[in-house]
């Protein structure tokens, strides 16, 4: 059984004199008796702690307001297909992270890093808060198309979910699009597999075909 931690040595010694040498025995002793042995305030606190009663309020862990995923190219690249595939990977990773935190993004920011140290960045808001790859992918592709890349040599990408909210606050709209509903069902199943076997078991290729 758990030893008497969290109380002073004199109090612990006093309890041991009465054969109370572990938390389980202390919890079984009436609070009034413990207060007589240790004194009013100390006895009340010790009795409460033994019963799992803490006076401090439970403060929920604050989740971050943003989430960012990065990709760095091994070589400077002009390849549109390679860039689009890297962006797709970021979309899947960001969506997985948001759903794992039970959060949804209201906006996305795409950052492009170029050879020579320059960069380009753009933010757009989603039509509705979401953590689904369908929604994130569409907006991420719009951001990429808006960059108007021609001969810029990319060294890396970053995709950030902005203005995050609790997923419970995001409206869930029923869709008449059966293919979308099917993809959302598959997404949920894949999340369960990742939770059980690890995030690398199913990669982006299992969710979407390689972008071209």
C-alpha atoms as a PDB file:
ATOM      1  CA  UNK A   1       0.000   0.000   0.000  1.00  0.00           C
ATOM      2  CA  UNK A   2       1.044   3.568  -0.609  1.00  0.00           C
ATOM      3  CA  UNK A   3       3.194   5.122   2.106  1.00  0.00           C
ATOM      4  CA  UNK A   4       2.290   8.340   3.897  1.00  0.00           C
ATOM      5  CA  UNK A   5       3.675  11.001   1.547  1.00  0.00           C
ATOM      6  CA  UNK A   6       2.846  14.700   1.582  1.00  0.00           C
ATOM      7  CA  UNK A   7       2.713  15.143   5.381  1.00  0.00           C
ATOM      8  CA  UNK A   8       5.445  16.204   7.788  1.00  0.00           C
ATOM      9  CA  UNK A   9       7.708  13.728   9.598  1.00  0.00           C
ATOM     10  CA  UNK A  10       6.193  14.542  13.031  1.00  0.00           C
ATOM     11  CA  UNK A  11       2.673  13.968  11.708  1.00  0.00           C
ATOM     12  CA  UNK A  12       3.712  10.708  10.068  1.00  0.00           C
ATOM     13  CA  UNK A  13       5.355   9.558  13.295  1.00  0.00           C
ATOM     14  CA  UNK A  14       2.216  10.414  15.283  1.00  0.00           C
ATOM     15  CA  UNK A  15       0.091   8.355  12.907  1.00  0.00           C
ATOM     16  CA  UNK A  16       2.514   5.421  13.045  1.00  0.00           C
ATOM     17  CA  UNK A  17       2.254   5.423  16.854  1.00  0.00           C
ATOM     18  CA  UNK A  18      -1.405   4.520  16.321  1.00  0.00           C
ATOM     19  CA  UNK A  19      -0.594   1.878  13.696  1.00  0.00           C
ATOM     20  CA  UNK A  20      -1.480   4.090  10.721  1.00  0.00           C
ATOM     21  CA  UNK A  21       1.458   3.618   8.360  1.00  0.00           C
ATOM     22  CA  UNK A  22      -0.104   3.824   4.904  1.00  0.00           C
ATOM     23  CA  UNK A  23      -2.677   5.877   3.000  1.00  0.00           C
ATOM     24  CA  UNK A  24      -5.226   3.067   2.913  1.00  0.00           C
ATOM     25  CA  UNK A  25      -5.349   2.846   6.715  1.00  0.00           C
ATOM     26  CA  UNK A  26      -5.477   6.639   7.038  1.00  0.00           C
ATOM     27  CA  UNK A  27      -8.431   6.828   4.636  1.00  0.00           C
ATOM     28  CA  UNK A  28     -10.331   4.348   6.822  1.00  0.00           C
ATOM     29  CA  UNK A  29      -9.951   6.515   9.950  1.00  0.00           C
ATOM     30  CA  UNK A  30     -12.749   9.065  10.557  1.00  0.00           C
ATOM     31  CA  UNK A  31     -11.701  12.604   9.714  1.00  0.00           C
ATOM     32  CA  UNK A  32     -12.543  13.819  13.232  1.00  0.00           C
ATOM     33  CA  UNK A  33     -10.145  11.239  14.709  1.00  0.00           C
ATOM     34  CA  UNK A  34      -7.325  12.303  12.393  1.00  0.00           C
ATOM     35  CA  UNK A  35      -7.933  15.933  13.354  1.00  0.00           C
ATOM     36  CA  UNK A  36      -7.621  15.036  17.050  1.00  0.00           C
ATOM     37  CA  UNK A  37      -4.336  13.242  16.372  1.00  0.00           C
ATOM     38  CA  UNK A  38      -2.734  15.879  14.132  1.00  0.00           C
ATOM     39  CA  UNK A  39      -4.593  19.060  14.936  1.00  0.00           C
ATOM     40  CA  UNK A  40      -7.532  20.648  13.174  1.00  0.00           C
ATOM     41  CA  UNK A  41      -6.156  22.002   9.889  1.00  0.00           C
ATOM     42  CA  UNK A  42      -3.350  19.449   9.424  1.00  0.00           C
ATOM     43  CA  UNK A  43      -5.649  16.534  10.295  1.00  0.00           C
ATOM     44  CA  UNK A  44      -8.370  17.735   7.950  1.00  0.00           C
ATOM     45  CA  UNK A  45      -5.859  18.123   5.103  1.00  0.00           C
ATOM     46  CA  UNK A  46      -4.292  14.702   5.721  1.00  0.00           C
ATOM     47  CA  UNK A  47      -7.687  12.994   5.875  1.00  0.00           C
ATOM     48  CA  UNK A  48      -8.850  14.692   2.666  1.00  0.00           C
ATOM     49  CA  UNK A  49      -5.685  13.782   0.775  1.00  0.00           C
ATOM     50  CA  UNK A  50      -5.954  10.157   1.892  1.00  0.00           C
ATOM     51  CA  UNK A  51      -9.459  10.089   0.374  1.00  0.00           C
ATOM     52  CA  UNK A  52      -8.319  11.745  -2.860  1.00  0.00           C
ATOM     53  CA  UNK A  53      -9.866  15.118  -2.063  1.00  0.00           C
ATOM     54  CA  UNK A  54      -7.742  18.069  -3.204  1.00  0.00           C
ATOM     55  CA  UNK A  55      -8.674  21.683  -2.437  1.00  0.00           C
ATOM     56  CA  UNK A  56      -7.085  23.011  -5.613  1.00  0.00           C
ATOM     57  CA  UNK A  57      -9.382  23.376  -8.630  1.00  0.00           C
ATOM     58  CA  UNK A  58      -8.682  21.255 -11.678  1.00  0.00           C
ATOM     59  CA  UNK A  59      -7.269  23.502 -14.403  1.00  0.00           C
ATOM     60  CA  UNK A  60      -7.616  22.063 -17.913  1.00  0.00           C
ATOM     61  CA  UNK A  61      -4.430  21.972 -19.970  1.00  0.00           C
ATOM     62  CA  UNK A  62      -4.474  24.832 -22.438  1.00  0.00           C
ATOM     63  CA  UNK A  63      -3.958  23.617 -25.984  1.00  0.00           C
ATOM     64  CA  UNK A  64      -1.892  25.766 -28.360  1.00  0.00           C
ATOM     65  CA  UNK A  65      -3.735  28.220 -30.622  1.00  0.00           C
ATOM     66  CA  UNK A  66      -1.741  27.123 -33.682  1.00  0.00           C
ATOM     67  CA  UNK A  67      -0.216  23.943 -35.106  1.00  0.00           C
ATOM     68  CA  UNK A  68       2.554  23.898 -37.715  1.00  0.00           C
ATOM     69  CA  UNK A  69       4.059  21.129 -39.846  1.00  0.00           C
ATOM     70  CA  UNK A  70       7.182  21.515 -42.007  1.00  0.00           C
ATOM     71  CA  UNK A  71       8.765  19.899 -45.048  1.00  0.00           C
ATOM     72  CA  UNK A  72      12.312  20.511 -46.237  1.00  0.00           C
ATOM     73  CA  UNK A  73      13.419  19.440 -49.709  1.00  0.00           C
ATOM     74  CA  UNK A  74      16.690  17.564 -50.007  1.00  0.00           C
ATOM     75  CA  UNK A  75      17.439  19.637 -53.111  1.00  0.00           C
ATOM     76  CA  UNK A  76      16.126  22.911 -54.483  1.00  0.00           C
ATOM     77  CA  UNK A  77      13.102  21.953 -56.524  1.00  0.00           C
ATOM     78  CA  UNK A  78      11.046  23.348 -59.386  1.00  0.00           C
ATOM     79  CA  UNK A  79       9.078  20.114 -59.790  1.00  0.00           C
ATOM     80  CA  UNK A  80       5.379  20.965 -59.482  1.00  0.00           C
ATOM     81  CA  UNK A  81       4.406  17.354 -58.771  1.00  0.00           C
ATOM     82  CA  UNK A  82       7.012  17.015 -56.010  1.00  0.00           C
ATOM     83  CA  UNK A  83       5.899  20.280 -54.421  1.00  0.00           C
ATOM     84  CA  UNK A  84       2.227  19.307 -54.583  1.00  0.00           C
ATOM     85  CA  UNK A  85       2.996  15.885 -53.073  1.00  0.00           C
ATOM     86  CA  UNK A  86       4.930  17.536 -50.219  1.00  0.00           C
ATOM     87  CA  UNK A  87       2.010  19.879 -49.592  1.00  0.00           C
ATOM     88  CA  UNK A  88      -0.363  16.916 -49.506  1.00  0.00           C
ATOM     89  CA  UNK A  89       1.858  15.244 -46.910  1.00  0.00           C
ATOM     90  CA  UNK A  90       1.684  18.414 -44.782  1.00  0.00           C
ATOM     91  CA  UNK A  91      -2.109  18.463 -45.081  1.00  0.00           C
ATOM     92  CA  UNK A  92      -2.407  14.875 -43.838  1.00  0.00           C
ATOM     93  CA  UNK A  93       0.056  15.454 -40.990  1.00  0.00           C
ATOM     94  CA  UNK A  94      -1.671  18.669 -39.909  1.00  0.00           C
ATOM     95  CA  UNK A  95      -5.123  17.093 -40.027  1.00  0.00           C
ATOM     96  CA  UNK A  96      -3.923  14.107 -37.999  1.00  0.00           C
ATOM     97  CA  UNK A  97      -2.379  16.398 -35.389  1.00  0.00           C
ATOM     98  CA  UNK A  98      -5.491  18.550 -35.071  1.00  0.00           C
ATOM     99  CA  UNK A  99      -7.825  15.577 -34.744  1.00  0.00           C
ATOM    100  CA  UNK A 100      -5.467  14.030 -32.193  1.00  0.00           C
ATOM    101  CA  UNK A 101      -5.815  17.195 -30.110  1.00  0.00           C
ATOM    102  CA  UNK A 102      -9.594  17.389 -30.739  1.00  0.00           C
ATOM    103  CA  UNK A 103      -9.098  20.781 -32.359  1.00  0.00           C
ATOM    104  CA  UNK A 104     -10.234  22.431 -35.586  1.00  0.00           C
ATOM    105  CA  UNK A 105      -8.610  25.230 -37.573  1.00  0.00           C
ATOM    106  CA  UNK A 106     -10.364  28.378 -38.678  1.00  0.00           C
ATOM    107  CA  UNK A 107      -7.570  29.398 -41.049  1.00  0.00           C
ATOM    108  CA  UNK A 108      -4.450  28.100 -42.772  1.00  0.00           C
ATOM    109  CA  UNK A 109      -1.137  29.813 -43.431  1.00  0.00           C
ATOM    110  CA  UNK A 110       1.180  28.518 -46.141  1.00  0.00           C
ATOM    111  CA  UNK A 111       4.839  29.524 -46.066  1.00  0.00           C
ATOM    112  CA  UNK A 112       7.202  28.867 -48.975  1.00  0.00           C
ATOM    113  CA  UNK A 113      10.967  29.024 -48.482  1.00  0.00           C
ATOM    114  CA  UNK A 114      13.143  29.816 -51.507  1.00  0.00           C
ATOM    115  CA  UNK A 115      16.803  29.375 -52.333  1.00  0.00           C
ATOM    116  CA  UNK A 116      18.660  32.494 -51.273  1.00  0.00           C
ATOM    117  CA  UNK A 117      16.676  32.893 -48.065  1.00  0.00           C
ATOM    118  CA  UNK A 118      13.540  34.673 -49.328  1.00  0.00           C
ATOM    119  CA  UNK A 119      10.057  33.464 -48.428  1.00  0.00           C
ATOM    120  CA  UNK A 120       6.390  33.879 -49.307  1.00  0.00           C
ATOM    121  CA  UNK A 121       3.485  33.601 -46.865  1.00  0.00           C
ATOM    122  CA  UNK A 122      -0.272  33.794 -47.200  1.00  0.00           C
ATOM    123  CA  UNK A 123      -3.202  33.168 -44.832  1.00  0.00           C
ATOM    124  CA  UNK A 124      -6.767  32.317 -45.734  1.00  0.00           C
ATOM    125  CA  UNK A 125      -9.751  31.374 -43.619  1.00  0.00           C
ATOM    126  CA  UNK A 126     -11.677  28.160 -44.014  1.00  0.00           C
ATOM    127  CA  UNK A 127     -15.371  28.325 -44.859  1.00  0.00           C
ATOM    128  CA  UNK A 128     -15.991  26.596 -41.497  1.00  0.00           C
ATOM    129  CA  UNK A 129     -13.633  25.340 -38.752  1.00  0.00           C
ATOM    130  CA  UNK A 130     -12.285  21.924 -39.719  1.00  0.00           C
ATOM    131  CA  UNK A 131      -9.594  19.327 -39.127  1.00  0.00           C
ATOM    132  CA  UNK A 132     -10.595  17.142 -42.067  1.00  0.00           C
ATOM    133  CA  UNK A 133      -8.084  16.584 -44.853  1.00  0.00           C
ATOM    134  CA  UNK A 134     -10.740  17.261 -47.503  1.00  0.00           C
ATOM    135  CA  UNK A 135     -11.184  20.834 -46.273  1.00  0.00           C
ATOM    136  CA  UNK A 136      -7.541  21.484 -45.414  1.00  0.00           C
ATOM    137  CA  UNK A 137      -6.353  20.146 -48.773  1.00  0.00           C
ATOM    138  CA  UNK A 138      -8.677  22.326 -50.825  1.00  0.00           C
ATOM    139  CA  UNK A 139      -7.599  25.501 -49.050  1.00  0.00           C
ATOM    140  CA  UNK A 140      -3.909  24.534 -49.050  1.00  0.00           C
ATOM    141  CA  UNK A 141      -4.049  24.006 -52.836  1.00  0.00           C
ATOM    142  CA  UNK A 142      -5.747  27.392 -53.257  1.00  0.00           C
ATOM    143  CA  UNK A 143      -2.946  29.002 -51.260  1.00  0.00           C
ATOM    144  CA  UNK A 144      -0.314  27.250 -53.362  1.00  0.00           C
ATOM    145  CA  UNK A 145      -2.023  28.272 -56.612  1.00  0.00           C
ATOM    146  CA  UNK A 146      -2.177  31.841 -55.330  1.00  0.00           C
ATOM    147  CA  UNK A 147       1.600  31.904 -54.936  1.00  0.00           C
ATOM    148  CA  UNK A 148       1.933  31.876 -58.731  1.00  0.00           C
ATOM    149  CA  UNK A 149       5.095  29.771 -58.712  1.00  0.00           C
ATOM    150  CA  UNK A 150       6.967  29.706 -62.006  1.00  0.00           C
ATOM    151  CA  UNK A 151      10.727  29.368 -61.680  1.00  0.00           C
ATOM    152  CA  UNK A 152      11.172  29.830 -57.959  1.00  0.00           C
ATOM    153  CA  UNK A 153      13.488  27.220 -56.460  1.00  0.00           C
ATOM    154  CA  UNK A 154      11.850  25.950 -53.288  1.00  0.00           C
ATOM    155  CA  UNK A 155      13.805  24.722 -50.278  1.00  0.00           C
ATOM    156  CA  UNK A 156      10.886  24.048 -47.945  1.00  0.00           C
ATOM    157  CA  UNK A 157       7.216  24.398 -47.056  1.00  0.00           C
ATOM    158  CA  UNK A 158       5.319  25.050 -43.837  1.00  0.00           C
ATOM    159  CA  UNK A 159       1.585  24.719 -43.255  1.00  0.00           C
ATOM    160  CA  UNK A 160       0.079  26.217 -40.115  1.00  0.00           C
ATOM    161  CA  UNK A 161      -3.399  25.747 -38.690  1.00  0.00           C
ATOM    162  CA  UNK A 162      -4.442  29.099 -37.233  1.00  0.00           C
ATOM    163  CA  UNK A 163      -7.105  30.307 -34.799  1.00  0.00           C
ATOM    164  CA  UNK A 164      -7.687  26.813 -33.443  1.00  0.00           C
ATOM    165  CA  UNK A 165     -10.806  25.955 -31.481  1.00  0.00           C
ATOM    166  CA  UNK A 166     -12.043  22.907 -29.615  1.00  0.00           C
ATOM    167  CA  UNK A 167     -13.492  20.450 -32.127  1.00  0.00           C
ATOM    168  CA  UNK A 168     -16.709  20.305 -30.073  1.00  0.00           C
ATOM    169  CA  UNK A 169     -17.282  23.955 -30.980  1.00  0.00           C
ATOM    170  CA  UNK A 170     -17.004  23.298 -34.718  1.00  0.00           C
ATOM    171  CA  UNK A 171     -20.409  22.824 -36.379  1.00  0.00           C
ATOM    172  CA  UNK A 172     -20.995  19.383 -37.869  1.00  0.00           C
ATOM    173  CA  UNK A 173     -23.014  19.777 -41.054  1.00  0.00           C
ATOM    174  CA  UNK A 174     -24.603  16.773 -42.694  1.00  0.00           C
ATOM    175  CA  UNK A 175     -23.489  16.450 -46.304  1.00  0.00           C
ATOM    176  CA  UNK A 176     -25.417  15.003 -49.216  1.00  0.00           C
ATOM    177  CA  UNK A 177     -22.085  14.200 -50.864  1.00  0.00           C
ATOM    178  CA  UNK A 178     -21.806  10.450 -50.355  1.00  0.00           C
ATOM    179  CA  UNK A 179     -18.186  10.326 -51.518  1.00  0.00           C
ATOM    180  CA  UNK A 180     -17.175  12.968 -48.946  1.00  0.00           C
ATOM    181  CA  UNK A 181     -19.009  11.142 -46.164  1.00  0.00           C
ATOM    182  CA  UNK A 182     -17.218   7.950 -47.196  1.00  0.00           C
ATOM    183  CA  UNK A 183     -13.825   9.708 -47.075  1.00  0.00           C
ATOM    184  CA  UNK A 184     -14.603  11.075 -43.601  1.00  0.00           C
ATOM    185  CA  UNK A 185     -15.507   7.570 -42.438  1.00  0.00           C
ATOM    186  CA  UNK A 186     -12.220   6.228 -43.837  1.00  0.00           C
ATOM    187  CA  UNK A 187     -10.361   9.102 -42.160  1.00  0.00           C
ATOM    188  CA  UNK A 188     -11.849   8.131 -38.795  1.00  0.00           C
ATOM    189  CA  UNK A 189     -10.880   4.485 -39.310  1.00  0.00           C
ATOM    190  CA  UNK A 190      -7.316   5.446 -40.257  1.00  0.00           C
ATOM    191  CA  UNK A 191      -7.034   7.620 -37.145  1.00  0.00           C
ATOM    192  CA  UNK A 192      -7.974   4.600 -35.015  1.00  0.00           C
ATOM    193  CA  UNK A 193      -5.303   2.486 -36.711  1.00  0.00           C
ATOM    194  CA  UNK A 194      -2.679   5.217 -36.156  1.00  0.00           C
ATOM    195  CA  UNK A 195      -3.697   5.530 -32.500  1.00  0.00           C
ATOM    196  CA  UNK A 196      -3.212   1.792 -32.040  1.00  0.00           C
ATOM    197  CA  UNK A 197      -0.103   1.102 -34.117  1.00  0.00           C
ATOM    198  CA  UNK A 198       1.621   4.498 -34.467  1.00  0.00           C
ATOM    199  CA  UNK A 199       1.443   7.424 -36.893  1.00  0.00           C
ATOM    200  CA  UNK A 200       3.791   5.915 -39.494  1.00  0.00           C
ATOM    201  CA  UNK A 201       1.744   2.791 -40.133  1.00  0.00           C
ATOM    202  CA  UNK A 202      -0.477   4.541 -42.688  1.00  0.00           C
ATOM    203  CA  UNK A 203       1.044   7.387 -44.657  1.00  0.00           C
ATOM    204  CA  UNK A 204      -0.537  10.000 -46.922  1.00  0.00           C
ATOM    205  CA  UNK A 205      -0.399   7.653 -49.929  1.00  0.00           C
ATOM    206  CA  UNK A 206      -3.026   5.504 -48.247  1.00  0.00           C
ATOM    207  CA  UNK A 207      -5.377   8.456 -47.979  1.00  0.00           C
ATOM    208  CA  UNK A 208      -4.953  10.260 -51.287  1.00  0.00           C
ATOM    209  CA  UNK A 209      -3.216   9.419 -54.552  1.00  0.00           C
ATOM    210  CA  UNK A 210       0.031  11.245 -55.259  1.00  0.00           C
ATOM    211  CA  UNK A 211      -0.794  14.701 -56.583  1.00  0.00           C
ATOM    212  CA  UNK A 212       0.259  15.566 -60.095  1.00  0.00           C
END
